[in-house]
Amino acid sequence: MRIPEDKVKQAWSRAEGKCENYDRHPSPKKLQWENRGRKDDIGWDVSVIEPDDAITPSNLRILCWPCLRRVRKPY
């Protein structure tokens, strides 16, 4: 599934460039845009919350790579 770049940027802006896995990071982990897609501790990507719903910024979350590995496959 391809997620439109404008939707990713809107989700990134909402997340203020931080990992949105609040259970793991009570003090959200700050990420850098240029590390998107990296598969290491400083990498991050976007995850769809409800795969059957529309691809909207509110249905996306920004996760650091360690959290993303635990949650679901990245898109």
N, C-alpha and C. Protein backbone atom coordinates (compact mmCIF):
# COMPACT_ATOMS: atom_id res chain seq x y z
N MET A 1 0.85 -1.18 0.00
CA MET A 1 0.00 0.00 0.00
C MET A 1 0.90 1.24 0.00
N ARG A 2 0.66 2.11 -0.92
CA ARG A 2 1.42 3.35 -1.01
C ARG A 2 0.65 4.44 -0.28
N ILE A 3 1.33 5.10 0.64
CA ILE A 3 0.71 6.20 1.38
C ILE A 3 1.16 7.51 0.75
N PRO A 4 0.23 8.36 0.34
CA PRO A 4 0.60 9.62 -0.29
C PRO A 4 1.51 10.47 0.62
N GLU A 5 2.54 11.04 0.01
CA GLU A 5 3.53 11.82 0.75
C GLU A 5 2.90 12.99 1.51
N ASP A 6 1.87 13.63 0.91
CA ASP A 6 1.25 14.76 1.60
C ASP A 6 0.57 14.31 2.90
N LYS A 7 0.03 13.10 2.92
CA LYS A 7 -0.61 12.57 4.14
C LYS A 7 0.45 12.28 5.20
N VAL A 8 1.60 11.74 4.76
CA VAL A 8 2.70 11.47 5.70
C VAL A 8 3.19 12.78 6.31
N LYS A 9 3.34 13.81 5.48
CA LYS A 9 3.82 15.11 5.97
C LYS A 9 2.83 15.72 6.96
N GLN A 10 1.54 15.55 6.71
CA GLN A 10 0.54 16.07 7.65
C GLN A 10 0.60 15.31 8.98
N ALA A 11 0.76 13.99 8.92
CA ALA A 11 0.88 13.20 10.16
C ALA A 11 2.16 13.56 10.90
N TRP A 12 3.25 13.77 10.15
CA TRP A 12 4.54 14.17 10.74
C TRP A 12 4.40 15.51 11.47
N SER A 13 3.72 16.44 10.84
CA SER A 13 3.51 17.76 11.44
C SER A 13 2.69 17.64 12.73
N ARG A 14 1.62 16.86 12.69
CA ARG A 14 0.79 16.65 13.87
C ARG A 14 1.60 16.04 15.01
N ALA A 15 2.47 15.08 14.68
CA ALA A 15 3.28 14.38 15.68
C ALA A 15 4.46 15.22 16.15
N GLU A 16 4.66 16.35 15.49
CA GLU A 16 5.79 17.24 15.80
C GLU A 16 7.12 16.50 15.72
N GLY A 17 7.20 15.55 14.76
CA GLY A 17 8.44 14.82 14.54
C GLY A 17 8.82 13.89 15.67
N LYS A 18 7.83 13.40 16.40
CA LYS A 18 8.10 12.52 17.54
C LYS A 18 7.39 11.19 17.36
N CYS A 19 7.98 10.14 17.93
CA CYS A 19 7.35 8.82 17.91
C CYS A 19 6.02 8.91 18.67
N GLU A 20 4.97 8.36 18.07
CA GLU A 20 3.65 8.43 18.68
C GLU A 20 3.27 7.16 19.46
N ASN A 21 4.24 6.37 19.84
CA ASN A 21 3.97 5.21 20.69
C ASN A 21 4.13 5.66 22.13
N TYR A 22 3.09 6.25 22.68
CA TYR A 22 3.15 6.88 24.00
C TYR A 22 3.34 5.87 25.13
N ASP A 23 2.95 4.61 24.91
CA ASP A 23 3.15 3.59 25.94
C ASP A 23 4.64 3.34 26.17
N ARG A 24 5.39 3.36 25.10
CA ARG A 24 6.82 3.08 25.18
C ARG A 24 7.63 4.34 25.49
N HIS A 25 7.19 5.48 25.01
CA HIS A 25 7.93 6.74 25.16
C HIS A 25 7.06 7.78 25.86
N PRO A 26 6.94 7.74 27.18
CA PRO A 26 6.15 8.76 27.87
C PRO A 26 6.66 10.17 27.55
N SER A 27 7.97 10.27 27.33
CA SER A 27 8.56 11.51 26.84
C SER A 27 8.93 11.20 25.39
N PRO A 28 8.11 11.62 24.43
CA PRO A 28 8.23 11.18 23.04
C PRO A 28 9.64 11.33 22.45
N LYS A 29 10.04 10.30 21.73
CA LYS A 29 11.34 10.25 21.07
C LYS A 29 11.33 11.17 19.85
N LYS A 30 12.24 12.12 19.80
CA LYS A 30 12.35 13.07 18.68
C LYS A 30 13.02 12.37 17.49
N LEU A 31 12.44 12.53 16.33
CA LEU A 31 12.93 11.90 15.10
C LEU A 31 13.35 12.96 14.10
N GLN A 32 14.08 12.55 13.07
CA GLN A 32 14.49 13.46 12.01
C GLN A 32 13.90 12.97 10.69
N TRP A 33 13.32 13.90 9.93
CA TRP A 33 12.65 13.57 8.68
C TRP A 33 13.54 12.74 7.75
N GLU A 34 14.79 13.11 7.63
CA GLU A 34 15.68 12.43 6.68
C GLU A 34 15.98 10.98 7.06
N ASN A 35 15.60 10.56 8.24
CA ASN A 35 15.81 9.17 8.67
C ASN A 35 14.62 8.26 8.39
N ARG A 36 13.64 8.77 7.66
CA ARG A 36 12.48 7.94 7.31
C ARG A 36 12.93 6.72 6.51
N GLY A 37 12.42 5.57 6.92
CA GLY A 37 12.72 4.33 6.22
C GLY A 37 13.97 3.61 6.70
N ARG A 38 14.76 4.27 7.53
CA ARG A 38 15.94 3.58 8.08
C ARG A 38 15.48 2.50 9.05
N LYS A 39 16.13 1.37 8.99
CA LYS A 39 15.74 0.24 9.83
C LYS A 39 16.74 0.06 10.96
N ASP A 40 16.88 1.12 11.76
CA ASP A 40 17.77 1.08 12.91
C ASP A 40 17.18 1.98 14.00
N ASP A 41 17.91 2.18 15.08
CA ASP A 41 17.37 2.91 16.23
C ASP A 41 17.03 4.37 15.96
N ILE A 42 17.60 4.97 14.92
CA ILE A 42 17.27 6.38 14.63
C ILE A 42 16.27 6.50 13.48
N GLY A 43 15.89 5.38 12.90
CA GLY A 43 14.94 5.40 11.79
C GLY A 43 13.50 5.50 12.26
N TRP A 44 12.62 5.79 11.31
CA TRP A 44 11.19 5.88 11.60
C TRP A 44 10.42 5.63 10.31
N ASP A 45 9.13 5.41 10.44
CA ASP A 45 8.24 5.35 9.29
C ASP A 45 6.81 5.55 9.77
N VAL A 46 5.91 5.50 8.85
CA VAL A 46 4.50 5.72 9.15
C VAL A 46 3.79 4.37 9.22
N SER A 47 2.80 4.28 10.08
CA SER A 47 2.00 3.07 10.23
C SER A 47 0.54 3.44 10.10
N VAL A 48 -0.22 2.59 9.41
CA VAL A 48 -1.66 2.80 9.29
C VAL A 48 -2.31 2.19 10.53
N ILE A 49 -3.17 2.95 11.18
CA ILE A 49 -3.82 2.48 12.41
C ILE A 49 -4.90 1.46 12.09
N GLU A 50 -5.82 1.81 11.22
CA GLU A 50 -6.92 0.92 10.81
C GLU A 50 -6.80 0.66 9.31
N PRO A 51 -6.21 -0.47 8.90
CA PRO A 51 -5.95 -0.74 7.49
C PRO A 51 -7.18 -0.68 6.57
N ASP A 52 -8.36 -0.97 7.10
CA ASP A 52 -9.56 -0.95 6.26
C ASP A 52 -10.17 0.44 6.11
N ASP A 53 -9.67 1.41 6.87
CA ASP A 53 -10.18 2.78 6.79
C ASP A 53 -9.41 3.58 5.75
N ALA A 54 -9.92 4.75 5.46
CA ALA A 54 -9.27 5.63 4.48
C ALA A 54 -7.89 6.07 4.96
N ILE A 55 -7.03 6.35 4.01
CA ILE A 55 -5.69 6.86 4.33
C ILE A 55 -5.81 8.36 4.55
N THR A 56 -5.92 8.74 5.81
CA THR A 56 -5.98 10.14 6.21
C THR A 56 -4.92 10.35 7.29
N PRO A 57 -4.50 11.59 7.51
CA PRO A 57 -3.50 11.83 8.56
C PRO A 57 -3.94 11.29 9.93
N SER A 58 -5.23 11.34 10.22
CA SER A 58 -5.69 10.85 11.52
C SER A 58 -5.66 9.32 11.62
N ASN A 59 -5.52 8.63 10.48
CA ASN A 59 -5.43 7.17 10.48
C ASN A 59 -3.97 6.72 10.32
N LEU A 60 -3.06 7.64 10.48
CA LEU A 60 -1.63 7.33 10.40
C LEU A 60 -0.97 7.69 11.71
N ARG A 61 0.11 6.98 12.03
CA ARG A 61 0.91 7.40 13.18
C ARG A 61 2.38 7.24 12.82
N ILE A 62 3.15 8.14 13.38
CA ILE A 62 4.59 8.17 13.17
C ILE A 62 5.24 7.34 14.28
N LEU A 63 6.05 6.38 13.89
CA LEU A 63 6.69 5.50 14.87
C LEU A 63 8.18 5.36 14.57
N CYS A 64 8.98 5.36 15.64
CA CYS A 64 10.39 5.05 15.48
C CYS A 64 10.49 3.59 15.03
N TRP A 65 11.61 3.24 14.42
CA TRP A 65 11.72 1.90 13.87
C TRP A 65 11.57 0.80 14.93
N PRO A 66 12.18 0.92 16.13
CA PRO A 66 11.97 -0.14 17.13
C PRO A 66 10.49 -0.34 17.47
N CYS A 67 9.73 0.75 17.58
CA CYS A 67 8.29 0.62 17.88
C CYS A 67 7.54 0.06 16.68
N LEU A 68 7.89 0.51 15.51
CA LEU A 68 7.22 0.05 14.29
C LEU A 68 7.38 -1.45 14.12
N ARG A 69 8.55 -1.98 14.40
CA ARG A 69 8.78 -3.42 14.30
C ARG A 69 7.83 -4.19 15.21
N ARG A 70 7.56 -3.63 16.38
CA ARG A 70 6.68 -4.31 17.33
C ARG A 70 5.20 -4.17 16.96
N VAL A 71 4.83 -3.08 16.36
CA VAL A 71 3.41 -2.79 16.11
C VAL A 71 2.88 -3.49 14.87
N ARG A 72 3.50 -3.26 13.74
CA ARG A 72 3.05 -3.87 12.48
C ARG A 72 4.02 -3.56 11.37
N LYS A 73 3.79 -4.21 10.26
CA LYS A 73 4.65 -4.02 9.10
C LYS A 73 4.51 -2.58 8.59
N PRO A 74 5.63 -1.91 8.27
CA PRO A 74 5.57 -0.55 7.73
C PRO A 74 5.07 -0.56 6.28
N TYR A 75 4.55 0.57 5.85
CA TYR A 75 4.06 0.72 4.48
C TYR A 75 5.01 1.58 3.69
